[in-house]
Amino acid sequence: MTSEPTTYPGYRFPAEVVRHAVWLYHLFSLSFRDVELLLAERGVVVSYESIRRWCLRYGADFSTRLRKRRPKPGDT
């Protein structure tokens, strides 16, 4: 099992916030502004441009992990 970092170097937000934003964007196919609004409701003030950059940088890795976790055809 790989350990997840608690922070990403060069980013002011904790890794949990970055992961949650990218997860929302990829799993629910939301827009960057929708993710910005959802995070603002939770008290995290972040711009949609930051979310866009996070998704460009970490999105491929996150979407690959999500795809691997999906049940395979024939799994019970």
Protein backbone atom coordinates (compact mmCIF):
# COMPACT_ATOMS: atom_id res chain seq x y z
CA MET A 1 0.00 0.00 0.00
CA THR A 2 1.43 3.40 -0.93
CA SER A 3 1.29 6.19 1.58
CA GLU A 4 -0.44 9.36 0.44
CA PRO A 5 1.44 12.62 1.05
CA THR A 6 -0.04 15.02 3.60
CA THR A 7 1.00 18.03 1.52
CA TYR A 8 2.19 18.57 -2.01
CA PRO A 9 5.38 20.64 -2.30
CA GLY A 10 4.68 24.13 -3.56
CA TYR A 11 0.95 24.10 -2.74
CA ARG A 12 -0.56 25.94 0.20
CA PHE A 13 -3.53 23.60 0.60
CA PRO A 14 -3.29 20.21 2.30
CA ALA A 15 -3.20 17.18 0.03
CA GLU A 16 -6.66 16.15 1.29
CA VAL A 17 -8.21 19.32 -0.18
CA VAL A 18 -6.41 18.81 -3.50
CA ARG A 19 -7.50 15.16 -3.62
CA HIS A 20 -11.10 16.03 -2.81
CA ALA A 21 -11.27 18.73 -5.49
CA VAL A 22 -9.82 16.47 -8.18
CA TRP A 23 -12.05 13.61 -7.03
CA LEU A 24 -15.17 15.79 -7.32
CA TYR A 25 -14.18 16.99 -10.77
CA HIS A 26 -13.44 13.55 -12.22
CA LEU A 27 -16.03 11.39 -10.49
CA PHE A 28 -19.07 13.63 -10.95
CA SER A 29 -18.00 15.43 -14.16
CA LEU A 30 -18.48 18.83 -12.56
CA SER A 31 -17.09 22.08 -13.90
CA PHE A 32 -14.19 23.78 -12.15
CA ARG A 33 -16.54 26.51 -10.94
CA ASP A 34 -18.94 23.93 -9.51
CA VAL A 35 -16.10 22.35 -7.56
CA GLU A 36 -15.06 25.83 -6.41
CA LEU A 37 -18.59 26.43 -5.07
CA LEU A 38 -18.77 23.05 -3.33
CA LEU A 39 -15.45 23.68 -1.59
CA ALA A 40 -16.57 27.20 -0.63
CA GLU A 41 -19.62 25.70 1.10
CA ARG A 42 -17.19 23.68 3.20
CA GLY A 43 -15.16 26.77 4.07
CA VAL A 44 -12.28 26.28 1.63
CA VAL A 45 -11.70 29.38 -0.48
CA VAL A 46 -9.88 28.33 -3.63
CA SER A 47 -10.10 29.65 -7.18
CA TYR A 48 -11.30 27.57 -10.09
CA GLU A 49 -7.94 28.22 -11.76
CA SER A 50 -6.15 26.41 -8.94
CA ILE A 51 -8.56 23.49 -9.29
CA ARG A 52 -7.88 23.44 -13.04
CA ARG A 53 -4.13 23.25 -12.42
CA TRP A 54 -4.57 20.49 -9.85
CA CYS A 55 -6.68 18.49 -12.28
CA LEU A 56 -4.12 18.90 -15.05
CA ARG A 57 -1.27 17.83 -12.79
CA TYR A 58 -2.88 15.07 -10.69
CA GLY A 59 -5.99 14.21 -12.68
CA ALA A 60 -4.58 11.39 -14.79
CA ASP A 61 -3.29 9.56 -11.72
CA PHE A 62 -6.59 10.02 -9.86
CA SER A 63 -8.75 8.91 -12.79
CA THR A 64 -6.55 5.82 -13.28
CA ARG A 65 -7.02 4.90 -9.62
CA LEU A 66 -10.79 5.43 -9.87
CA ARG A 67 -10.97 3.26 -12.99
CA LYS A 68 -9.04 0.45 -11.28
CA ARG A 69 -11.45 0.50 -8.33
CA ARG A 70 -14.51 -0.03 -10.53
CA PRO A 71 -15.93 -3.53 -10.45
CA LYS A 72 -14.88 -5.68 -13.38
CA PRO A 73 -17.47 -7.48 -15.51
CA GLY A 74 -18.19 -10.83 -13.92
CA ASP A 75 -17.10 -9.78 -10.41
CA THR A 76 -19.52 -10.74 -7.70
